[in-house]
Amino acid sequence: MTGVRRRRLRHVCRDDRGSTAIEAAIIAPPLILFLLLAIAAGRIVMAGQVVDAAAEDAARQASISRVPGDARESALAAARTTLTGQGLHCASTSINLNTSGLGARTGEAGTVTATVTCRVNLADLSLPGVPGTRTMTSTFTSAVNRYVER
């Protein structure tokens, strides 16, 4: 009986060889794909937050200016500084300002609105189903101080 048990044990051990490699080959591709999708989602969320911050900074900077020309220059500089300072590299950037609120008389309410659009490049991830670029847009409105003479 000992010889029969040895044969069975040898036979069972031979059947298990290579099963770890097969399991790894089955599990690895979906795991890598999930990891790359998580990275893509993280980059999209981060880009959205940076674009939001750039729009807020641009609108706030424009709202504290007294002259529309100066407001435009300082708002554009603030938005670009925020975008580059946070490490976001846009394939193309568009910054639009509505500074009509700066024309309000002293004592009247006015607002300045900034819209920042950034096209984020995702082509380096090379994922199926993920677009090469994603356009992120954010708009922020800031109140103009009604008691400051313009």
N, C-alpha and C. Protein backbone atom coordinates (compact mmCIF):
# COMPACT_ATOMS: atom_id res chain seq x y z
N MET A 1 0.80 -1.20 0.00
CA MET A 1 0.00 0.00 0.00
C MET A 1 0.85 1.26 0.00
N THR A 2 2.00 1.21 0.53
CA THR A 2 2.85 2.39 0.54
C THR A 2 3.23 2.81 -0.86
N GLY A 3 3.48 1.87 -1.75
CA GLY A 3 3.85 2.20 -3.12
C GLY A 3 2.72 2.89 -3.86
N VAL A 4 1.47 2.48 -3.59
CA VAL A 4 0.31 3.09 -4.24
C VAL A 4 0.15 4.54 -3.77
N ARG A 5 0.36 4.77 -2.49
CA ARG A 5 0.25 6.13 -1.96
C ARG A 5 1.32 7.03 -2.56
N ARG A 6 2.52 6.52 -2.70
CA ARG A 6 3.60 7.32 -3.28
C ARG A 6 3.28 7.69 -4.72
N ARG A 7 2.74 6.76 -5.47
CA ARG A 7 2.38 7.05 -6.86
C ARG A 7 1.32 8.14 -6.92
N ARG A 8 0.33 8.04 -6.07
CA ARG A 8 -0.73 9.03 -6.07
C ARG A 8 -0.19 10.41 -5.67
N LEU A 9 0.66 10.47 -4.68
CA LEU A 9 1.25 11.74 -4.26
C LEU A 9 2.10 12.34 -5.36
N ARG A 10 2.88 11.52 -6.04
CA ARG A 10 3.69 12.02 -7.15
C ARG A 10 2.79 12.56 -8.26
N HIS A 11 1.71 11.82 -8.53
CA HIS A 11 0.80 12.23 -9.59
C HIS A 11 0.11 13.55 -9.24
N VAL A 12 -0.33 13.72 -7.99
CA VAL A 12 -0.99 14.94 -7.54
C VAL A 12 -0.03 16.11 -7.59
N CYS A 13 1.20 15.93 -7.17
CA CYS A 13 2.19 16.99 -7.18
C CYS A 13 2.50 17.43 -8.60
N ARG A 14 2.52 16.53 -9.53
CA ARG A 14 2.79 16.88 -10.92
C ARG A 14 1.67 17.71 -11.51
N ASP A 15 0.44 17.49 -11.11
CA ASP A 15 -0.70 18.24 -11.64
C ASP A 15 -0.70 19.70 -11.19
N ASP A 16 -0.13 20.01 -10.01
CA ASP A 16 -0.14 21.37 -9.48
C ASP A 16 0.98 22.24 -10.05
N ARG A 17 1.93 21.64 -10.72
CA ARG A 17 3.05 22.42 -11.23
C ARG A 17 2.57 23.38 -12.32
N GLY A 18 3.01 24.64 -12.22
CA GLY A 18 2.67 25.65 -13.22
C GLY A 18 1.34 26.35 -12.98
N SER A 19 0.59 25.93 -11.98
CA SER A 19 -0.72 26.56 -11.74
C SER A 19 -0.56 28.00 -11.27
N THR A 20 0.50 28.32 -10.56
CA THR A 20 0.73 29.68 -10.10
C THR A 20 0.99 30.60 -11.28
N ALA A 21 1.75 30.14 -12.24
CA ALA A 21 2.02 30.95 -13.44
C ALA A 21 0.75 31.19 -14.23
N ILE A 22 -0.10 30.20 -14.33
CA ILE A 22 -1.37 30.36 -15.05
C ILE A 22 -2.28 31.34 -14.32
N GLU A 23 -2.34 31.22 -13.00
CA GLU A 23 -3.15 32.15 -12.21
C GLU A 23 -2.65 33.58 -12.38
N ALA A 24 -1.35 33.76 -12.36
CA ALA A 24 -0.77 35.10 -12.54
C ALA A 24 -1.08 35.64 -13.94
N ALA A 25 -1.02 34.79 -14.94
CA ALA A 25 -1.30 35.22 -16.30
C ALA A 25 -2.76 35.61 -16.48
N ILE A 26 -3.64 35.01 -15.72
CA ILE A 26 -5.06 35.34 -15.80
C ILE A 26 -5.37 36.61 -15.00
N ILE A 27 -4.76 36.77 -13.86
CA ILE A 27 -5.07 37.89 -12.96
C ILE A 27 -4.32 39.16 -13.33
N ALA A 28 -3.11 39.08 -13.84
CA ALA A 28 -2.28 40.26 -14.08
C ALA A 28 -2.88 41.27 -15.07
N PRO A 29 -3.36 40.87 -16.25
CA PRO A 29 -3.88 41.89 -17.19
C PRO A 29 -5.05 42.71 -16.64
N PRO A 30 -6.06 42.10 -16.04
CA PRO A 30 -7.13 42.95 -15.48
C PRO A 30 -6.64 43.84 -14.34
N LEU A 31 -5.71 43.34 -13.55
CA LEU A 31 -5.16 44.14 -12.46
C LEU A 31 -4.40 45.35 -13.00
N ILE A 32 -3.60 45.15 -14.02
CA ILE A 32 -2.86 46.26 -14.63
C ILE A 32 -3.82 47.25 -15.27
N LEU A 33 -4.84 46.75 -15.96
CA LEU A 33 -5.84 47.63 -16.58
C LEU A 33 -6.56 48.46 -15.53
N PHE A 34 -6.93 47.84 -14.41
CA PHE A 34 -7.58 48.57 -13.32
C PHE A 34 -6.66 49.66 -12.77
N LEU A 35 -5.39 49.34 -12.60
CA LEU A 35 -4.43 50.31 -12.10
C LEU A 35 -4.30 51.50 -13.05
N LEU A 36 -4.22 51.24 -14.35
CA LEU A 36 -4.11 52.32 -15.33
C LEU A 36 -5.38 53.17 -15.38
N LEU A 37 -6.54 52.54 -15.24
CA LEU A 37 -7.78 53.30 -15.20
C LEU A 37 -7.86 54.18 -13.95
N ALA A 38 -7.36 53.67 -12.84
CA ALA A 38 -7.32 54.47 -11.61
C ALA A 38 -6.39 55.67 -11.78
N ILE A 39 -5.27 55.49 -12.45
CA ILE A 39 -4.34 56.60 -12.71
C ILE A 39 -5.01 57.63 -13.61
N ALA A 40 -5.70 57.17 -14.67
CA ALA A 40 -6.39 58.09 -15.57
C ALA A 40 -7.47 58.87 -14.83
N ALA A 41 -8.25 58.20 -14.00
CA ALA A 41 -9.30 58.88 -13.24
C ALA A 41 -8.69 59.90 -12.28
N GLY A 42 -7.59 59.55 -11.65
CA GLY A 42 -6.91 60.48 -10.75
C GLY A 42 -6.40 61.71 -11.47
N ARG A 43 -5.85 61.52 -12.67
CA ARG A 43 -5.37 62.67 -13.44
C ARG A 43 -6.51 63.57 -13.87
N ILE A 44 -7.64 62.98 -14.22
CA ILE A 44 -8.79 63.78 -14.64
C ILE A 44 -9.34 64.58 -13.46
N VAL A 45 -9.44 63.95 -12.30
CA VAL A 45 -9.94 64.65 -11.11
C VAL A 45 -8.98 65.76 -10.70
N MET A 46 -7.67 65.47 -10.71
CA MET A 46 -6.68 66.48 -10.36
C MET A 46 -6.73 67.66 -11.33
N ALA A 47 -6.85 67.37 -12.62
CA ALA A 47 -6.92 68.44 -13.62
C ALA A 47 -8.16 69.30 -13.39
N GLY A 48 -9.28 68.69 -13.05
CA GLY A 48 -10.49 69.46 -12.78
C GLY A 48 -10.32 70.39 -11.59
N GLN A 49 -9.66 69.91 -10.56
CA GLN A 49 -9.44 70.75 -9.38
C GLN A 49 -8.50 71.91 -9.68
N VAL A 50 -7.47 71.66 -10.48
CA VAL A 50 -6.53 72.72 -10.83
C VAL A 50 -7.21 73.77 -11.71
N VAL A 51 -8.04 73.33 -12.66
CA VAL A 51 -8.76 74.27 -13.51
C VAL A 51 -9.75 75.09 -12.68
N ASP A 52 -10.40 74.47 -11.71
CA ASP A 52 -11.28 75.21 -10.78
C ASP A 52 -10.50 76.29 -10.03
N ALA A 53 -9.34 75.92 -9.53
CA ALA A 53 -8.51 76.87 -8.77
C ALA A 53 -8.04 78.01 -9.67
N ALA A 54 -7.70 77.70 -10.91
CA ALA A 54 -7.25 78.74 -11.85
C ALA A 54 -8.38 79.73 -12.15
N ALA A 55 -9.60 79.21 -12.32
CA ALA A 55 -10.74 80.11 -12.57
C ALA A 55 -11.02 80.98 -11.35
N GLU A 56 -10.94 80.42 -10.16
CA GLU A 56 -11.15 81.19 -8.94
C GLU A 56 -10.09 82.28 -8.80
N ASP A 57 -8.83 81.92 -9.02
CA ASP A 57 -7.75 82.90 -8.89
C ASP A 57 -7.89 84.02 -9.92
N ALA A 58 -8.25 83.66 -11.14
CA ALA A 58 -8.40 84.67 -12.20
C ALA A 58 -9.54 85.63 -11.87
N ALA A 59 -10.67 85.10 -11.45
CA ALA A 59 -11.82 85.95 -11.13
C ALA A 59 -11.52 86.85 -9.93
N ARG A 60 -10.90 86.30 -8.93
CA ARG A 60 -10.59 87.10 -7.73
C ARG A 60 -9.58 88.19 -8.06
N GLN A 61 -8.56 87.85 -8.83
CA GLN A 61 -7.55 88.84 -9.20
C GLN A 61 -8.16 89.96 -10.03
N ALA A 62 -9.06 89.61 -10.94
CA ALA A 62 -9.71 90.63 -11.76
C ALA A 62 -10.65 91.50 -10.93
N SER A 63 -11.30 90.91 -9.93
CA SER A 63 -12.28 91.67 -9.14
C SER A 63 -11.63 92.71 -8.24
N ILE A 64 -10.36 92.55 -7.90
CA ILE A 64 -9.72 93.55 -7.03
C ILE A 64 -9.02 94.64 -7.83
N SER A 65 -9.04 94.52 -9.15
CA SER A 65 -8.46 95.57 -10.00
C SER A 65 -9.48 96.68 -10.20
N ARG A 66 -8.99 97.85 -10.53
CA ARG A 66 -9.89 99.00 -10.72
C ARG A 66 -10.13 99.30 -12.19
N VAL A 67 -9.21 98.89 -13.05
CA VAL A 67 -9.30 99.18 -14.47
C VAL A 67 -9.46 97.86 -15.23
N PRO A 68 -10.41 97.76 -16.18
CA PRO A 68 -10.61 96.50 -16.90
C PRO A 68 -9.35 95.98 -17.62
N GLY A 69 -8.54 96.85 -18.18
CA GLY A 69 -7.31 96.41 -18.85
C GLY A 69 -6.33 95.76 -17.89
N ASP A 70 -6.15 96.38 -16.73
CA ASP A 70 -5.27 95.80 -15.70
C ASP A 70 -5.86 94.51 -15.15
N ALA A 71 -7.19 94.49 -15.03
CA ALA A 71 -7.87 93.29 -14.51
C ALA A 71 -7.62 92.10 -15.42
N ARG A 72 -7.71 92.34 -16.73
CA ARG A 72 -7.50 91.26 -17.69
C ARG A 72 -6.08 90.71 -17.61
N GLU A 73 -5.10 91.59 -17.57
CA GLU A 73 -3.70 91.16 -17.50
C GLU A 73 -3.41 90.40 -16.22
N SER A 74 -3.85 90.93 -15.09
CA SER A 74 -3.56 90.27 -13.82
C SER A 74 -4.32 88.95 -13.69
N ALA A 75 -5.54 88.88 -14.23
CA ALA A 75 -6.31 87.63 -14.17
C ALA A 75 -5.66 86.55 -15.04
N LEU A 76 -5.23 86.91 -16.24
CA LEU A 76 -4.57 85.94 -17.11
C LEU A 76 -3.28 85.42 -16.47
N ALA A 77 -2.52 86.33 -15.86
CA ALA A 77 -1.28 85.92 -15.20
C ALA A 77 -1.57 85.01 -14.02
N ALA A 78 -2.61 85.33 -13.25
CA ALA A 78 -2.96 84.50 -12.09
C ALA A 78 -3.40 83.10 -12.52
N ALA A 79 -4.20 83.01 -13.57
CA ALA A 79 -4.66 81.70 -14.05
C ALA A 79 -3.50 80.87 -14.58
N ARG A 80 -2.63 81.48 -15.35
CA ARG A 80 -1.47 80.74 -15.89
C ARG A 80 -0.53 80.30 -14.78
N THR A 81 -0.34 81.14 -13.79
CA THR A 81 0.52 80.79 -12.65
C THR A 81 -0.05 79.60 -11.89
N THR A 82 -1.36 79.59 -11.68
CA THR A 82 -2.00 78.48 -10.98
C THR A 82 -1.87 77.19 -11.79
N LEU A 83 -2.13 77.26 -13.09
CA LEU A 83 -2.06 76.06 -13.93
C LEU A 83 -0.65 75.46 -13.94
N THR A 84 0.36 76.30 -14.13
CA THR A 84 1.73 75.79 -14.19
C THR A 84 2.26 75.45 -12.80
N GLY A 85 1.84 76.23 -11.79
CA GLY A 85 2.30 75.98 -10.43
C GLY A 85 1.82 74.66 -9.86
N GLN A 86 0.68 74.19 -10.32
CA GLN A 86 0.14 72.91 -9.86
C GLN A 86 0.61 71.74 -10.72
N GLY A 87 1.45 72.02 -11.71
CA GLY A 87 2.01 70.96 -12.53
C GLY A 87 1.07 70.43 -13.60
N LEU A 88 0.06 71.19 -13.97
CA LEU A 88 -0.86 70.76 -15.02
C LEU A 88 -0.35 71.26 -16.36
N HIS A 89 -0.11 70.35 -17.28
CA HIS A 89 0.36 70.70 -18.61
C HIS A 89 -0.80 70.55 -19.59
N CYS A 90 -1.33 71.69 -20.02
CA CYS A 90 -2.47 71.68 -20.92
C CYS A 90 -1.98 71.65 -22.37
N ALA A 91 -2.65 70.86 -23.21
CA ALA A 91 -2.34 70.86 -24.64
C ALA A 91 -2.75 72.20 -25.23
N SER A 92 -3.85 72.77 -24.75
CA SER A 92 -4.27 74.12 -25.12
C SER A 92 -5.04 74.72 -23.95
N THR A 93 -4.92 76.03 -23.83
CA THR A 93 -5.56 76.73 -22.71
C THR A 93 -6.34 77.92 -23.25
N SER A 94 -7.51 78.15 -22.69
CA SER A 94 -8.32 79.31 -23.05
C SER A 94 -8.83 79.94 -21.76
N ILE A 95 -8.63 81.26 -21.63
CA ILE A 95 -9.08 81.98 -20.44
C ILE A 95 -9.93 83.15 -20.91
N ASN A 96 -11.21 83.13 -20.55
CA ASN A 96 -12.13 84.20 -20.94
C ASN A 96 -12.60 84.95 -19.70
N LEU A 97 -12.64 86.26 -19.82
CA LEU A 97 -13.06 87.10 -18.69
C LEU A 97 -14.22 87.99 -19.09
N ASN A 98 -15.13 88.18 -18.16
CA ASN A 98 -16.20 89.16 -18.31
C ASN A 98 -15.98 90.18 -17.20
N THR A 99 -15.41 91.32 -17.57
CA THR A 99 -15.08 92.35 -16.59
C THR A 99 -16.08 93.49 -16.61
N SER A 100 -17.28 93.26 -17.13
CA SER A 100 -18.28 94.34 -17.22
C SER A 100 -18.68 94.85 -15.84
N GLY A 101 -18.54 94.03 -14.81
CA GLY A 101 -18.89 94.46 -13.46
C GLY A 101 -17.97 95.54 -12.92
N LEU A 102 -16.80 95.71 -13.52
CA LEU A 102 -15.89 96.77 -13.06
C LEU A 102 -16.40 98.15 -13.47
N GLY A 103 -17.35 98.19 -14.41
CA GLY A 103 -17.91 99.47 -14.85
C GLY A 103 -19.03 99.97 -13.95
N ALA A 104 -19.39 99.21 -12.94
CA ALA A 104 -20.46 99.64 -12.02
C ALA A 104 -20.01 100.84 -11.21
N ARG A 105 -20.95 101.69 -10.89
CA ARG A 105 -20.63 102.87 -10.08
C ARG A 105 -20.32 102.46 -8.65
N THR A 106 -19.64 103.35 -7.94
CA THR A 106 -19.34 103.10 -6.54
C THR A 106 -20.64 102.97 -5.76
N GLY A 107 -20.76 101.91 -4.98
CA GLY A 107 -21.96 101.64 -4.21
C GLY A 107 -22.87 100.62 -4.89
N GLU A 108 -22.66 100.36 -6.18
CA GLU A 108 -23.45 99.38 -6.90
C GLU A 108 -22.72 98.04 -6.93
N ALA A 109 -23.49 96.97 -6.94
CA ALA A 109 -22.90 95.62 -6.99
C ALA A 109 -22.43 95.31 -8.40
N GLY A 110 -21.33 94.62 -8.49
CA GLY A 110 -20.80 94.18 -9.77
C GLY A 110 -20.05 92.88 -9.59
N THR A 111 -19.92 92.13 -10.66
CA THR A 111 -19.20 90.86 -10.60
C THR A 111 -18.25 90.74 -11.78
N VAL A 112 -17.26 89.91 -11.59
CA VAL A 112 -16.31 89.56 -12.65
C VAL A 112 -16.36 88.05 -12.77
N THR A 113 -16.44 87.55 -14.01
CA THR A 113 -16.53 86.11 -14.25
C THR A 113 -15.34 85.66 -15.08
N ALA A 114 -14.71 84.58 -14.65
CA ALA A 114 -13.59 83.99 -15.39
C ALA A 114 -13.95 82.56 -15.77
N THR A 115 -13.67 82.21 -17.01
CA THR A 115 -13.87 80.84 -17.50
C THR A 115 -12.53 80.33 -18.01
N VAL A 116 -12.07 79.23 -17.44
CA VAL A 116 -10.79 78.63 -17.84
C VAL A 116 -11.08 77.28 -18.48
N THR A 117 -10.52 77.06 -19.66
CA THR A 117 -10.66 75.80 -20.37
C THR A 117 -9.27 75.25 -20.64
N CYS A 118 -9.08 73.99 -20.28
CA CYS A 118 -7.78 73.34 -20.44
C CYS A 118 -8.01 71.97 -21.09
N ARG A 119 -7.27 71.69 -22.14
CA ARG A 119 -7.36 70.38 -22.79
C ARG A 119 -6.20 69.54 -22.26
N VAL A 120 -6.53 68.53 -21.45
CA VAL A 120 -5.54 67.69 -20.79
C VAL A 120 -5.20 66.50 -21.69
N ASN A 121 -3.93 66.25 -21.87
CA ASN A 121 -3.47 65.16 -22.72
C ASN A 121 -3.41 63.86 -21.91
N LEU A 122 -4.15 62.83 -22.37
CA LEU A 122 -4.15 61.52 -21.72
C LEU A 122 -3.59 60.43 -22.63
N ALA A 123 -3.05 60.81 -23.78
CA ALA A 123 -2.59 59.84 -24.76
C ALA A 123 -1.43 58.99 -24.24
N ASP A 124 -0.67 59.49 -23.29
CA ASP A 124 0.47 58.74 -22.78
C ASP A 124 0.06 57.52 -21.97
N LEU A 125 -1.21 57.44 -21.57
CA LEU A 125 -1.67 56.26 -20.82
C LEU A 125 -1.94 55.07 -21.74
N SER A 126 -2.28 55.31 -22.99
CA SER A 126 -2.52 54.26 -23.99
C SER A 126 -3.52 53.21 -23.50
N LEU A 127 -4.65 53.66 -23.06
CA LEU A 127 -5.69 52.76 -22.58
C LEU A 127 -6.82 52.68 -23.59
N PRO A 128 -7.34 51.49 -23.84
CA PRO A 128 -8.50 51.40 -24.71
C PRO A 128 -9.72 52.02 -24.05
N GLY A 129 -10.45 52.82 -24.80
CA GLY A 129 -11.64 53.46 -24.26
C GLY A 129 -11.38 54.79 -23.60
N VAL A 130 -10.12 55.16 -23.37
CA VAL A 130 -9.78 56.45 -22.78
C VAL A 130 -9.42 57.40 -23.91
N PRO A 131 -10.09 58.56 -23.99
CA PRO A 131 -9.78 59.48 -25.09
C PRO A 131 -8.37 60.03 -24.97
N GLY A 132 -7.82 60.48 -26.09
CA GLY A 132 -6.47 61.04 -26.10
C GLY A 132 -6.37 62.32 -25.32
N THR A 133 -7.44 63.12 -25.33
CA THR A 133 -7.47 64.36 -24.55
C THR A 133 -8.82 64.49 -23.87
N ARG A 134 -8.83 65.27 -22.84
CA ARG A 134 -10.08 65.55 -22.11
C ARG A 134 -10.12 67.05 -21.86
N THR A 135 -11.21 67.69 -22.21
CA THR A 135 -11.34 69.13 -22.03
C THR A 135 -12.02 69.41 -20.69
N MET A 136 -11.34 70.20 -19.88
CA MET A 136 -11.84 70.58 -18.56
C MET A 136 -12.17 72.08 -18.60
N THR A 137 -13.37 72.44 -18.15
CA THR A 137 -13.79 73.84 -18.14
C THR A 137 -14.34 74.18 -16.77
N SER A 138 -13.98 75.36 -16.28
CA SER A 138 -14.49 75.83 -15.00
C SER A 138 -14.78 77.32 -15.08
N THR A 139 -15.87 77.73 -14.47
CA THR A 139 -16.27 79.13 -14.44
C THR A 139 -16.45 79.55 -12.98
N PHE A 140 -15.94 80.74 -12.68
CA PHE A 140 -16.06 81.26 -11.32
C PHE A 140 -16.40 82.73 -11.40
N THR A 141 -17.28 83.18 -10.52
CA THR A 141 -17.69 84.58 -10.46
C THR A 141 -17.29 85.15 -9.11
N SER A 142 -16.67 86.32 -9.17
CA SER A 142 -16.23 86.98 -7.94
C SER A 142 -16.87 88.37 -7.87
N ALA A 143 -17.30 88.75 -6.68
CA ALA A 143 -17.94 90.06 -6.49
C ALA A 143 -16.89 91.16 -6.46
N VAL A 144 -17.26 92.28 -7.06
CA VAL A 144 -16.40 93.47 -7.05
C VAL A 144 -16.75 94.28 -5.80
N ASN A 145 -15.74 94.77 -5.11
CA ASN A 145 -15.99 95.57 -3.91
C ASN A 145 -16.75 96.83 -4.30
N ARG A 146 -17.96 96.97 -3.81
CA ARG A 146 -18.82 98.09 -4.23
C ARG A 146 -18.41 99.41 -3.63
N TYR A 147 -17.56 99.39 -2.62
CA TYR A 147 -17.19 100.64 -1.95
C TYR A 147 -15.82 101.15 -2.35
N VAL A 148 -15.20 100.52 -3.32
CA VAL A 148 -13.92 100.99 -3.82
C VAL A 148 -14.17 101.86 -5.04
N GLU A 149 -13.56 103.04 -5.05
CA GLU A 149 -13.75 103.94 -6.20
C GLU A 149 -12.99 103.41 -7.39
N ARG A 150 -13.67 103.42 -8.55
CA ARG A 150 -13.04 102.93 -9.78
C ARG A 150 -12.87 104.05 -10.76
